[in-house]
N, C-alpha and C. Protein backbone atom coordinates (compact mmCIF):
# COMPACT_ATOMS: atom_id res chain seq x y z
N MET A 1 0.91 -0.94 0.20
CA MET A 1 -0.20 -0.02 -0.11
C MET A 1 0.78 1.41 0.03
N HIS A 2 0.47 1.98 -0.96
CA HIS A 2 1.31 3.35 -0.83
C HIS A 2 1.21 4.76 0.30
N ASN A 3 1.96 5.07 1.03
CA ASN A 3 2.02 5.80 1.87
C ASN A 3 1.86 7.22 1.36
N TRP A 4 0.70 7.98 1.58
CA TRP A 4 0.69 9.18 0.75
C TRP A 4 1.15 10.24 1.48
N LEU A 5 2.09 10.01 2.77
CA LEU A 5 2.62 10.90 3.57
C LEU A 5 4.11 11.44 2.85
N GLN A 6 4.59 10.26 2.04
CA GLN A 6 5.77 10.30 1.33
C GLN A 6 5.49 11.21 0.41
N ASP A 7 4.55 11.13 -0.38
CA ASP A 7 4.21 12.35 -1.47
C ASP A 7 3.89 13.90 -0.80
N LEU A 8 3.83 13.99 0.50
CA LEU A 8 3.40 15.20 0.95
C LEU A 8 4.03 16.31 0.55
N PRO A 9 5.45 16.00 0.74
CA PRO A 9 6.41 17.29 0.27
C PRO A 9 6.41 17.65 -1.07
N ALA A 10 5.82 16.65 -2.19
CA ALA A 10 5.65 17.08 -3.59
C ALA A 10 4.34 17.86 -3.50
N LEU A 11 3.60 17.66 -2.91
CA LEU A 11 2.31 18.15 -3.08
C LEU A 11 2.43 19.60 -2.32
N ILE A 12 3.23 19.88 -1.27
CA ILE A 12 3.44 20.93 -0.85
C ILE A 12 4.46 22.00 -1.83
N GLN A 13 5.27 21.45 -2.60
CA GLN A 13 6.04 22.16 -3.69
C GLN A 13 5.23 22.33 -5.06
N VAL A 14 4.38 21.59 -5.08
CA VAL A 14 3.30 21.89 -6.65
C VAL A 14 2.41 23.31 -5.97
N LEU A 15 1.97 23.09 -4.54
CA LEU A 15 0.72 24.11 -4.04
C LEU A 15 1.83 25.42 -4.17
N VAL A 16 2.97 25.13 -3.70
CA VAL A 16 3.71 26.88 -3.63
C VAL A 16 3.76 27.21 -5.25
N ILE A 17 4.43 26.21 -5.99
CA ILE A 17 4.52 26.94 -7.29
C ILE A 17 3.02 27.55 -8.17
N ASP A 18 2.40 26.48 -7.91
CA ASP A 18 0.80 26.86 -8.43
C ASP A 18 0.79 28.66 -7.74
N LEU A 19 0.60 28.72 -6.56
CA LEU A 19 0.46 30.04 -5.60
C LEU A 19 1.01 31.32 -6.10
N VAL A 20 2.51 31.01 -6.30
CA VAL A 20 3.34 31.92 -6.91
C VAL A 20 3.31 32.27 -8.46
N LEU A 21 3.12 31.00 -9.18
CA LEU A 21 2.74 31.61 -10.61
C LEU A 21 1.72 32.03 -11.06
N ALA A 22 0.46 31.73 -10.41
CA ALA A 22 -0.85 31.90 -10.46
C ALA A 22 -1.47 33.31 -10.48
N GLY A 23 -0.57 34.11 -9.91
CA GLY A 23 -1.23 35.59 -9.39
C GLY A 23 -1.71 36.43 -10.51
N ASP A 24 -0.90 36.41 -11.84
CA ASP A 24 -1.20 37.12 -12.83
C ASP A 24 -2.59 36.53 -13.39
N ASN A 25 -2.92 35.12 -13.66
CA ASN A 25 -3.74 34.60 -13.66
C ASN A 25 -5.40 35.17 -13.06
N ALA A 26 -5.02 35.33 -11.86
CA ALA A 26 -6.01 35.73 -11.02
C ALA A 26 -6.48 37.29 -11.59
N VAL A 27 -5.25 38.05 -11.56
CA VAL A 27 -5.85 39.58 -12.05
C VAL A 27 -6.59 39.50 -13.47
N VAL A 28 -6.37 38.37 -14.53
CA VAL A 28 -6.74 38.28 -15.98
C VAL A 28 -8.23 37.91 -15.46
N VAL A 29 -8.76 36.86 -14.86
CA VAL A 29 -9.74 36.83 -14.60
C VAL A 29 -11.00 37.39 -14.02
N GLY A 30 -10.25 38.22 -12.62
CA GLY A 30 -10.95 39.18 -12.28
C GLY A 30 -11.29 40.43 -13.13
N LEU A 31 -10.27 41.06 -13.89
CA LEU A 31 -10.40 41.98 -15.09
C LEU A 31 -11.71 41.93 -16.04
N VAL A 32 -11.38 40.26 -16.83
CA VAL A 32 -12.52 40.02 -17.64
C VAL A 32 -14.49 40.08 -16.84
N VAL A 33 -14.17 39.32 -15.50
CA VAL A 33 -15.45 39.17 -14.97
C VAL A 33 -15.86 40.58 -14.51
N ALA A 34 -15.02 41.46 -14.07
CA ALA A 34 -15.62 42.69 -13.95
C ALA A 34 -16.29 43.41 -14.72
N ASN A 35 -16.38 43.16 -16.14
CA ASN A 35 -17.36 44.00 -17.02
C ASN A 35 -18.64 43.04 -17.01
N LEU A 36 -18.65 41.70 -16.75
CA LEU A 36 -19.99 41.15 -16.71
C LEU A 36 -21.10 41.65 -15.60
N PRO A 37 -22.37 41.73 -16.12
CA PRO A 37 -23.37 42.04 -15.05
C PRO A 37 -23.03 41.22 -13.68
N PRO A 38 -23.33 41.65 -12.51
CA PRO A 38 -22.90 40.75 -11.50
C PRO A 38 -23.60 39.38 -11.47
N VAL A 39 -24.58 38.95 -11.76
CA VAL A 39 -25.45 37.83 -12.02
C VAL A 39 -24.26 36.81 -12.79
N ASN A 40 -23.69 37.31 -13.43
CA ASN A 40 -23.10 36.26 -14.15
C ASN A 40 -21.67 36.23 -14.27
N ARG A 41 -21.05 36.75 -13.01
CA ARG A 41 -19.61 36.74 -12.75
C ARG A 41 -19.21 35.35 -12.11
N HIS A 42 -19.99 34.95 -11.19
CA HIS A 42 -19.79 33.49 -10.63
C HIS A 42 -19.85 32.34 -11.44
N ARG A 43 -20.95 32.40 -12.13
CA ARG A 43 -20.35 31.22 -13.32
C ARG A 43 -19.93 31.40 -14.05
N ALA A 44 -19.11 32.83 -14.51
CA ALA A 44 -17.91 33.09 -15.87
C ALA A 44 -16.80 32.56 -15.02
N VAL A 45 -16.78 32.87 -13.73
CA VAL A 45 -15.22 32.24 -12.81
C VAL A 45 -15.38 30.80 -12.87
N ILE A 46 -16.41 30.28 -12.48
CA ILE A 46 -16.46 28.67 -12.23
C ILE A 46 -16.38 27.84 -13.69
N LEU A 47 -17.52 28.60 -14.52
CA LEU A 47 -17.30 27.85 -15.66
C LEU A 47 -15.87 27.95 -16.49
N GLY A 48 -15.23 29.28 -16.68
CA GLY A 48 -14.22 29.42 -17.06
C GLY A 48 -13.30 28.76 -16.37
N ILE A 49 -12.96 29.22 -15.21
CA ILE A 49 -11.64 28.41 -14.62
C ILE A 49 -11.81 26.88 -14.63
N GLY A 50 -12.91 26.17 -14.48
CA GLY A 50 -13.27 25.16 -14.84
C GLY A 50 -12.69 24.58 -16.30
N GLY A 51 -13.10 25.03 -17.19
CA GLY A 51 -12.14 24.76 -18.63
C GLY A 51 -10.99 25.00 -18.65
N ALA A 52 -10.45 25.77 -18.28
CA ALA A 52 -8.94 26.12 -18.10
C ALA A 52 -8.36 25.05 -16.99
N ALA A 53 -8.93 24.83 -16.15
CA ALA A 53 -8.47 23.63 -15.14
C ALA A 53 -8.23 22.10 -16.10
N ALA A 54 -9.25 21.95 -16.57
CA ALA A 54 -9.41 20.75 -17.59
C ALA A 54 -7.97 21.03 -18.37
N ILE A 55 -7.93 21.77 -19.15
CA ILE A 55 -6.71 21.76 -20.20
C ILE A 55 -5.53 21.96 -19.27
N ARG A 56 -5.41 22.64 -18.15
CA ARG A 56 -4.09 22.86 -17.31
C ARG A 56 -3.89 20.87 -17.20
N LEU A 57 -4.79 20.54 -16.80
CA LEU A 57 -4.41 18.78 -16.30
C LEU A 57 -3.97 18.01 -17.52
N ALA A 58 -5.01 18.45 -18.61
CA ALA A 58 -4.11 17.65 -20.18
C ALA A 58 -3.23 18.32 -20.20
N LEU A 59 -2.61 19.10 -20.30
CA LEU A 59 -1.45 19.92 -20.60
C LEU A 59 -0.39 19.39 -19.50
N ALA A 60 -0.44 19.07 -18.43
CA ALA A 60 0.32 18.74 -17.24
C ALA A 60 0.80 16.76 -17.63
N ALA A 61 0.06 16.53 -18.34
CA ALA A 61 -0.03 15.19 -18.56
C ALA A 61 1.06 14.85 -19.60
N ILE A 62 0.86 15.90 -20.56
CA ILE A 62 1.90 15.86 -21.59
C ILE A 62 3.30 16.58 -21.64
N ALA A 63 3.39 17.41 -20.53
CA ALA A 63 4.25 18.17 -20.01
C ALA A 63 5.64 18.10 -20.62
N LEU A 64 6.04 17.19 -20.68
CA LEU A 64 7.60 17.14 -21.11
C LEU A 64 7.62 17.11 -22.70
N LYS A 65 6.53 16.58 -23.20
CA LYS A 65 6.07 16.75 -24.85
C LYS A 65 6.28 18.03 -24.88
N LEU A 66 5.48 19.11 -24.49
CA LEU A 66 5.44 20.35 -24.47
C LEU A 66 6.61 21.34 -24.63
N LEU A 67 7.61 21.06 -24.16
CA LEU A 67 9.17 21.80 -24.34
C LEU A 67 9.39 21.45 -25.43
N GLY A 68 9.39 20.48 -26.41
CA GLY A 68 9.84 20.54 -27.50
C GLY A 68 9.32 21.18 -28.62
N ILE A 69 7.84 21.28 -28.55
CA ILE A 69 7.17 22.48 -29.56
C ILE A 69 7.73 23.79 -29.68
N LEU A 70 7.92 24.29 -30.76
CA LEU A 70 8.60 25.34 -31.10
C LEU A 70 7.35 25.69 -31.23
N GLY A 71 7.47 27.27 -31.11
CA GLY A 71 6.79 28.53 -30.96
C GLY A 71 5.45 28.27 -30.35
N LEU A 72 5.55 27.60 -29.09
CA LEU A 72 4.69 27.81 -28.38
C LEU A 72 4.48 28.67 -27.50
N THR A 73 5.59 29.32 -26.75
CA THR A 73 5.75 30.74 -25.83
C THR A 73 5.05 31.41 -26.89
N LEU A 74 5.46 31.96 -28.09
CA LEU A 74 5.38 32.93 -29.22
C LEU A 74 3.44 32.50 -29.29
N ALA A 75 3.25 31.61 -29.40
CA ALA A 75 1.77 31.62 -29.70
C ALA A 75 0.91 31.91 -28.53
N GLY A 76 1.41 31.78 -27.26
CA GLY A 76 1.01 31.95 -26.11
C GLY A 76 0.92 33.53 -25.65
N GLY A 77 1.91 34.11 -26.13
CA GLY A 77 1.88 35.58 -26.12
C GLY A 77 0.88 36.27 -27.07
N LEU A 78 1.09 35.55 -28.33
CA LEU A 78 -0.26 36.40 -29.12
C LEU A 78 -1.57 36.37 -28.82
N LEU A 79 -1.87 34.93 -28.27
CA LEU A 79 -3.33 34.83 -27.54
C LEU A 79 -3.38 35.53 -26.55
N LEU A 80 -2.53 35.62 -25.64
CA LEU A 80 -2.85 37.05 -24.44
C LEU A 80 -2.80 38.49 -25.08
N LEU A 81 -2.21 38.61 -26.22
CA LEU A 81 -2.15 40.23 -26.76
C LEU A 81 -3.83 40.17 -27.00
N TRP A 82 -4.22 39.18 -27.51
CA TRP A 82 -5.67 39.48 -28.12
C TRP A 82 -6.44 39.88 -26.67
N VAL A 83 -6.31 38.83 -25.50
CA VAL A 83 -7.08 39.23 -24.58
C VAL A 83 -6.93 40.39 -23.86
N CYS A 84 -5.70 41.16 -24.07
CA CYS A 84 -5.45 42.39 -23.63
C CYS A 84 -6.38 43.31 -24.67
N TRP A 85 -6.44 43.22 -26.00
CA TRP A 85 -7.02 44.09 -26.67
C TRP A 85 -8.70 44.14 -26.09
N LYS A 86 -9.18 43.06 -26.09
CA LYS A 86 -10.46 42.90 -25.68
C LYS A 86 -10.72 43.05 -24.00
N THR A 87 -9.82 43.21 -23.28
CA THR A 87 -9.82 43.91 -21.90
C THR A 87 -9.70 45.29 -22.22
N TYR A 88 -8.86 45.97 -22.95
CA TYR A 88 -8.82 47.47 -23.31
C TYR A 88 -10.09 47.93 -23.95
N ARG A 89 -10.59 47.09 -24.49
CA ARG A 89 -11.96 47.70 -25.36
C ARG A 89 -13.20 47.39 -23.70
N ASP A 90 -13.26 46.76 -23.00
CA ASP A 90 -13.99 46.68 -22.14
C ASP A 90 -13.88 47.48 -21.23
N LEU A 91 -12.23 47.93 -20.98
CA LEU A 91 -12.24 49.05 -19.74
C LEU A 91 -12.56 50.30 -20.17
N ARG A 92 -12.35 50.43 -21.51
CA ARG A 92 -12.39 52.05 -22.45
C ARG A 92 -13.79 52.14 -22.28
N GLY A 93 -14.60 50.62 -22.49
CA GLY A 93 -16.20 51.05 -22.39
C GLY A 93 -16.83 51.71 -21.27
N GLY A 94 -15.99 51.18 -20.08
CA GLY A 94 -16.57 51.34 -18.74
C GLY A 94 -16.26 52.90 -18.52
N ALA A 95 -15.49 53.67 -19.16
CA ALA A 95 -15.26 54.78 -19.08
C ALA A 95 -16.25 56.12 -18.75
N ALA A 96 -16.15 57.26 -18.22
CA ALA A 96 -17.29 57.77 -17.80
C ALA A 96 -18.07 58.86 -18.94
N HIS A 97 -17.54 58.39 -20.23
CA HIS A 97 -18.32 59.11 -21.20
C HIS A 97 -18.98 57.99 -21.95
N GLY A 98 -19.45 57.07 -21.30
CA GLY A 98 -20.43 55.80 -21.87
C GLY A 98 -19.73 54.88 -22.64
N PRO A 99 -20.57 53.68 -22.79
CA PRO A 99 -19.79 52.56 -23.10
C PRO A 99 -19.59 52.49 -24.80
N VAL A 100 -18.46 52.06 -24.90
CA VAL A 100 -18.07 51.93 -26.54
C VAL A 100 -18.76 50.43 -27.17
N GLY A 101 -18.68 49.44 -26.29
CA GLY A 101 -20.00 48.31 -26.58
C GLY A 101 -20.21 47.92 -25.73
N ALA A 102 -20.97 46.73 -25.77
CA ALA A 102 -21.81 45.96 -24.76
C ALA A 102 -20.98 45.32 -24.29
N PRO A 103 -21.30 45.16 -22.98
CA PRO A 103 -19.98 44.10 -22.18
C PRO A 103 -20.20 42.89 -22.74
N PRO A 104 -19.15 42.12 -22.41
CA PRO A 104 -18.80 40.80 -22.67
C PRO A 104 -19.88 39.80 -22.60
N THR A 105 -20.34 38.76 -23.28
CA THR A 105 -21.51 37.88 -22.75
C THR A 105 -20.60 37.00 -22.04
N LEU A 106 -21.30 35.81 -21.24
CA LEU A 106 -21.02 34.73 -20.31
C LEU A 106 -19.92 33.91 -21.51
N LEU A 107 -20.39 33.37 -22.51
CA LEU A 107 -19.53 32.46 -23.22
C LEU A 107 -18.39 33.28 -23.84
N GLN A 108 -18.30 34.59 -24.17
CA GLN A 108 -17.01 35.45 -24.32
C GLN A 108 -16.10 35.34 -23.11
N ALA A 109 -16.93 35.73 -22.03
CA ALA A 109 -15.57 35.66 -20.82
C ALA A 109 -15.05 34.49 -20.43
N MET A 110 -16.14 33.56 -20.94
CA MET A 110 -15.32 32.38 -20.35
C MET A 110 -14.45 31.78 -21.28
N LEU A 111 -14.42 32.44 -22.48
CA LEU A 111 -13.44 32.04 -23.26
C LEU A 111 -12.05 32.88 -23.28
N ARG A 112 -12.40 34.13 -22.96
CA ARG A 112 -11.08 34.55 -22.58
C ARG A 112 -10.28 34.38 -21.61
N ILE A 113 -11.27 33.95 -20.40
CA ILE A 113 -10.84 33.04 -19.08
C ILE A 113 -9.83 31.99 -19.63
N ILE A 114 -10.67 31.16 -20.47
CA ILE A 114 -9.54 29.87 -20.75
C ILE A 114 -8.58 30.58 -21.74
N VAL A 115 -8.51 31.29 -22.44
CA VAL A 115 -7.35 31.62 -23.36
C VAL A 115 -6.21 32.05 -22.91
N ALA A 116 -6.55 32.89 -21.68
CA ALA A 116 -5.80 33.88 -20.81
C ALA A 116 -4.91 32.56 -20.03
N ASP A 117 -5.89 32.04 -19.52
CA ASP A 117 -4.88 31.13 -18.33
C ASP A 117 -4.32 30.09 -19.22
N VAL A 118 -4.64 29.31 -20.34
CA VAL A 118 -3.44 28.83 -20.91
C VAL A 118 -2.31 29.19 -21.63
N SER A 119 -2.61 30.43 -22.16
CA SER A 119 -1.33 30.91 -22.54
C SER A 119 -0.23 31.23 -21.39
N MET A 120 -0.85 31.95 -20.01
CA MET A 120 0.09 32.15 -19.32
C MET A 120 0.29 31.41 -18.23
N SER A 121 -0.13 29.97 -18.28
CA SER A 121 0.11 29.08 -17.41
C SER A 121 1.23 27.66 -17.86
N LEU A 122 1.57 28.27 -18.84
CA LEU A 122 2.61 27.24 -19.43
C LEU A 122 4.04 26.77 -18.25
N ASP A 123 4.37 27.94 -18.00
CA ASP A 123 5.59 27.75 -17.06
C ASP A 123 4.97 27.24 -16.00
N ASN A 124 3.55 27.21 -15.65
CA ASN A 124 3.29 27.32 -14.00
C ASN A 124 3.09 25.21 -14.34
N VAL A 125 2.40 24.82 -15.47
CA VAL A 125 1.97 23.62 -16.17
C VAL A 125 3.46 22.77 -15.52
N LEU A 126 4.57 23.43 -16.63
CA LEU A 126 5.36 22.75 -16.52
C LEU A 126 6.55 22.66 -15.13
N ALA A 127 6.29 23.72 -14.22
CA ALA A 127 7.03 23.54 -12.99
C ALA A 127 6.46 22.49 -12.06
N VAL A 128 4.64 22.66 -12.34
CA VAL A 128 4.29 21.65 -11.85
C VAL A 128 4.22 19.99 -11.86
N ALA A 129 4.74 20.22 -13.14
CA ALA A 129 4.72 18.51 -13.91
C ALA A 129 6.37 17.92 -13.33
N GLY A 130 6.95 19.11 -13.13
CA GLY A 130 8.50 18.67 -12.57
C GLY A 130 8.71 18.22 -11.50
N ALA A 131 7.88 19.13 -10.52
CA ALA A 131 7.62 18.89 -9.10
C ALA A 131 7.05 17.53 -9.03
N ALA A 132 5.75 17.17 -9.80
CA ALA A 132 5.16 15.64 -9.37
C ALA A 132 5.91 14.81 -10.11
N ILE A 133 6.60 14.47 -10.58
CA ILE A 133 6.95 13.29 -11.39
C ILE A 133 7.04 12.23 -10.79
N GLY A 134 6.16 11.21 -11.75
CA GLY A 134 5.58 9.84 -10.92
C GLY A 134 4.85 9.82 -10.23
N ARG A 135 4.35 11.25 -9.74
CA ARG A 135 2.85 11.07 -9.18
C ARG A 135 1.71 12.11 -9.60
N PRO A 136 1.06 11.35 -10.20
CA PRO A 136 -0.05 12.14 -11.15
C PRO A 136 -0.90 12.87 -10.20
N TRP A 137 -1.26 11.74 -9.15
CA TRP A 137 -2.57 12.58 -8.01
C TRP A 137 -1.92 13.73 -7.38
N VAL A 138 -0.56 13.90 -7.12
CA VAL A 138 -0.18 15.03 -6.58
C VAL A 138 -0.31 16.27 -7.52
N MET A 139 0.33 15.98 -8.64
CA MET A 139 0.01 16.98 -9.49
C MET A 139 -1.66 17.53 -9.95
N ALA A 140 -2.35 16.70 -10.07
CA ALA A 140 -3.77 16.63 -10.19
C ALA A 140 -4.49 17.43 -8.85
N LEU A 141 -4.08 17.10 -7.93
CA LEU A 141 -4.73 17.60 -6.71
C LEU A 141 -4.17 19.16 -6.40
N GLY A 142 -2.85 19.37 -6.66
CA GLY A 142 -2.13 20.67 -6.52
C GLY A 142 -2.85 21.33 -7.59
N LEU A 143 -2.98 21.05 -8.90
CA LEU A 143 -3.74 22.12 -9.90
C LEU A 143 -5.36 22.52 -9.20
N ILE A 144 -5.85 21.38 -8.83
CA ILE A 144 -7.25 21.72 -8.66
C ILE A 144 -7.45 22.96 -7.20
N ILE A 145 -6.56 22.54 -6.41
CA ILE A 145 -6.75 23.52 -5.26
C ILE A 145 -6.20 24.69 -5.84
N SER A 146 -5.07 25.05 -6.49
CA SER A 146 -4.48 25.96 -7.13
C SER A 146 -5.21 27.13 -7.89
N VAL A 147 -6.55 25.86 -8.69
CA VAL A 147 -7.52 26.87 -9.28
C VAL A 147 -8.63 27.28 -8.69
N LEU A 148 -8.96 26.58 -7.65
CA LEU A 148 -9.86 27.17 -6.53
C LEU A 148 -9.61 28.25 -6.00
N LEU A 149 -8.35 28.36 -5.52
CA LEU A 149 -8.22 29.52 -4.79
C LEU A 149 -7.57 30.67 -6.03
N MET A 150 -7.64 30.58 -6.89
CA MET A 150 -7.35 31.50 -8.47
C MET A 150 -9.13 31.72 -8.62
N GLY A 151 -9.99 31.16 -8.41
CA GLY A 151 -11.15 31.39 -8.70
C GLY A 151 -11.41 32.19 -7.33
N THR A 152 -11.41 32.20 -6.38
CA THR A 152 -11.61 33.15 -5.23
C THR A 152 -10.97 34.28 -5.23
N ALA A 153 -9.96 34.26 -5.71
CA ALA A 153 -8.94 35.56 -5.92
C ALA A 153 -9.52 36.38 -6.92
N ALA A 154 -9.88 35.83 -8.13
CA ALA A 154 -10.52 36.38 -9.22
C ALA A 154 -11.63 37.11 -8.89
N ALA A 155 -12.60 36.64 -7.87
CA ALA A 155 -13.74 37.09 -7.52
C ALA A 155 -13.59 38.08 -6.63
N LEU A 156 -12.68 38.10 -6.00
CA LEU A 156 -12.28 39.32 -5.10
C LEU A 156 -11.74 40.56 -5.99
N ILE A 157 -10.82 40.04 -6.66
CA ILE A 157 -10.43 41.16 -7.89
C ILE A 157 -11.61 41.95 -8.32
N ALA A 158 -12.52 41.26 -9.01
CA ALA A 158 -13.08 41.48 -9.67
C ALA A 158 -14.13 42.98 -8.73
N ARG A 159 -14.90 42.46 -7.23
CA ARG A 159 -15.38 43.32 -6.38
C ARG A 159 -14.31 44.31 -6.10
N ILE A 160 -13.35 44.52 -6.15
CA ILE A 160 -12.42 45.77 -6.21
C ILE A 160 -12.12 46.71 -7.08
N LEU A 161 -12.58 45.76 -8.22
CA LEU A 161 -12.32 46.70 -9.64
C LEU A 161 -13.70 47.57 -9.59
N ASP A 162 -14.56 47.08 -9.18
CA ASP A 162 -15.74 47.64 -9.05
C ASP A 162 -15.93 48.76 -8.25
N ARG A 163 -15.07 49.08 -7.20
CA ARG A 163 -15.19 50.19 -6.66
C ARG A 163 -13.74 51.07 -6.85
N TYR A 164 -12.54 50.48 -7.56
CA TYR A 164 -11.71 51.24 -7.67
C TYR A 164 -11.32 50.95 -9.53
N ARG A 165 -12.17 51.57 -10.47
CA ARG A 165 -12.07 51.45 -11.87
C ARG A 165 -10.72 51.43 -12.15
N PHE A 166 -10.08 52.21 -11.69
CA PHE A 166 -8.39 52.76 -12.28
C PHE A 166 -8.07 51.44 -12.43
N LEU A 167 -8.08 50.83 -11.30
CA LEU A 167 -6.84 49.47 -10.75
C LEU A 167 -6.80 48.72 -12.02
N GLY A 168 -7.88 48.70 -12.92
CA GLY A 168 -8.56 47.89 -13.99
C GLY A 168 -6.99 48.27 -15.06
N TRP A 169 -6.89 49.48 -15.06
CA TRP A 169 -5.81 50.02 -16.00
C TRP A 169 -4.24 48.98 -15.63
N ALA A 170 -4.24 49.20 -14.25
CA ALA A 170 -3.04 48.73 -13.79
C ALA A 170 -2.60 47.35 -14.21
N GLY A 171 -4.02 46.51 -13.92
CA GLY A 171 -4.05 45.10 -14.35
C GLY A 171 -3.82 44.93 -15.38
N LEU A 172 -4.41 45.68 -16.45
CA LEU A 172 -4.19 45.43 -18.20
C LEU A 172 -2.70 45.94 -18.19
N GLY A 173 -2.13 46.54 -17.51
CA GLY A 173 -0.51 46.95 -17.55
C GLY A 173 0.30 45.57 -17.51
N LEU A 174 -0.12 44.85 -16.55
CA LEU A 174 0.66 43.53 -15.95
C LEU A 174 0.20 42.52 -16.90
N ILE A 175 -0.45 42.39 -17.53
CA ILE A 175 -1.57 41.54 -18.59
C ILE A 175 -0.26 41.83 -19.76
N LEU A 176 -0.47 43.18 -20.48
CA LEU A 176 0.05 43.26 -21.42
C LEU A 176 2.01 43.26 -21.36
N PHE A 177 2.29 43.36 -20.25
CA PHE A 177 3.60 43.19 -20.09
C PHE A 177 4.15 41.46 -19.78
N VAL A 178 3.32 40.86 -19.42
CA VAL A 178 3.07 39.32 -19.37
C VAL A 178 3.00 38.77 -21.08
N ALA A 179 2.28 39.40 -22.09
CA ALA A 179 2.57 38.88 -23.19
C ALA A 179 3.24 39.18 -23.81
N LEU A 180 3.73 40.55 -23.74
CA LEU A 180 5.24 41.08 -24.49
C LEU A 180 6.06 40.06 -24.14
N LYS A 181 6.55 39.50 -22.94
CA LYS A 181 7.10 39.02 -22.19
C LYS A 181 7.32 37.66 -23.04
N LEU A 182 6.10 36.74 -23.16
CA LEU A 182 6.08 36.03 -23.63
C LEU A 182 6.78 35.84 -25.18
N ILE A 183 6.01 36.80 -25.67
CA ILE A 183 6.16 37.20 -27.35
C ILE A 183 8.15 37.26 -27.44
N TRP A 184 8.46 37.78 -26.47
CA TRP A 184 9.87 38.11 -26.90
C TRP A 184 10.45 37.04 -26.61
N GLU A 185 10.47 36.19 -25.27
CA GLU A 185 10.86 34.97 -25.44
C GLU A 185 10.68 33.89 -26.45
N GLY A 186 9.39 33.60 -26.67
CA GLY A 186 9.38 32.83 -27.88
C GLY A 186 9.81 33.09 -29.21
N SER A 187 9.78 34.61 -29.48
CA SER A 187 10.68 34.98 -30.80
C SER A 187 12.00 34.45 -30.91
N HIS A 188 12.72 34.69 -29.69
CA HIS A 188 14.29 34.17 -29.35
C HIS A 188 14.25 32.72 -29.37
N GLN A 189 13.43 31.91 -29.06
CA GLN A 189 13.16 30.43 -29.25
C GLN A 189 13.23 30.06 -30.75
N VAL A 190 12.20 30.85 -31.25
CA VAL A 190 11.98 30.32 -32.65
C VAL A 190 13.22 31.00 -33.59
N ILE A 191 13.57 31.90 -33.19
CA ILE A 191 15.00 32.41 -34.33
C ILE A 191 16.32 31.69 -33.93
N ALA A 192 16.40 31.26 -32.24
CA ALA A 192 17.40 30.35 -32.30
C ALA A 192 17.33 29.24 -33.05
N ALA A 193 16.37 28.58 -33.24
CA ALA A 193 15.83 27.07 -33.56
C ALA A 193 16.18 27.25 -35.19
N LEU A 194 15.76 28.38 -35.82
CA LEU A 194 16.16 28.60 -37.36
C LEU A 194 17.57 28.83 -37.98
N PHE A 195 18.22 29.36 -36.87
CA PHE A 195 19.45 29.64 -37.33
C PHE A 195 20.46 29.38 -36.58
C-alpha cells in the first residue's frame, strides 16, 4: 500500500509553485469578469476556470512533450495579446463617457478566461509537472486546489475593480507585460531554432 505521506513534500511544492505563478492569472480573470453583470460573474469564474483547469491537467499530463514544441511560447503571447485588446476595449467602454460596446457575454468571458489562463500557464504546468514526476495524483490535486484559490482571488479582484475602476488599467498593464514577455521569449526560441 502506498503511503501518501511520502508524497506530501511534492504536494506542498506543487501548491507553492501554483500559488506563486498563478497570481497574474487571477488578475486576468478578475478583469474579465469585472465587466460582466454581477449575476453572471460567479458562473463565468466557475465555468471559465473549470475549462482552464481541465486544459491545464491535460497539458500537465503531456508537459515534457510540450517542451519540444517550437513556437508555443510565442503563440501563447499572441493569444494573451488578444485578451489584452479585448480587456482594453472593455475598460474603455466603462469610462465616464459611456460604453463603447456591450459588455462581454458569459460565453465570451469564459473563452477569454480559458485563452488567458492557458497562454499564461505554460510555465506553471511545466513547473508543476517537474515537481510531481511519478505522482499524477499530486499534480492533479495541486492544480485543482490552486485553481480553486485562483477563482476565489479573481472574484475578490472583480469586486475591488467595481469600486476602484482605475486599478483595471494597472491590471491591464500587467497582462500586457506578460504577453510581451512571452512574445519576446518565444521569438528568441524560434529564431534560435531556425538559425
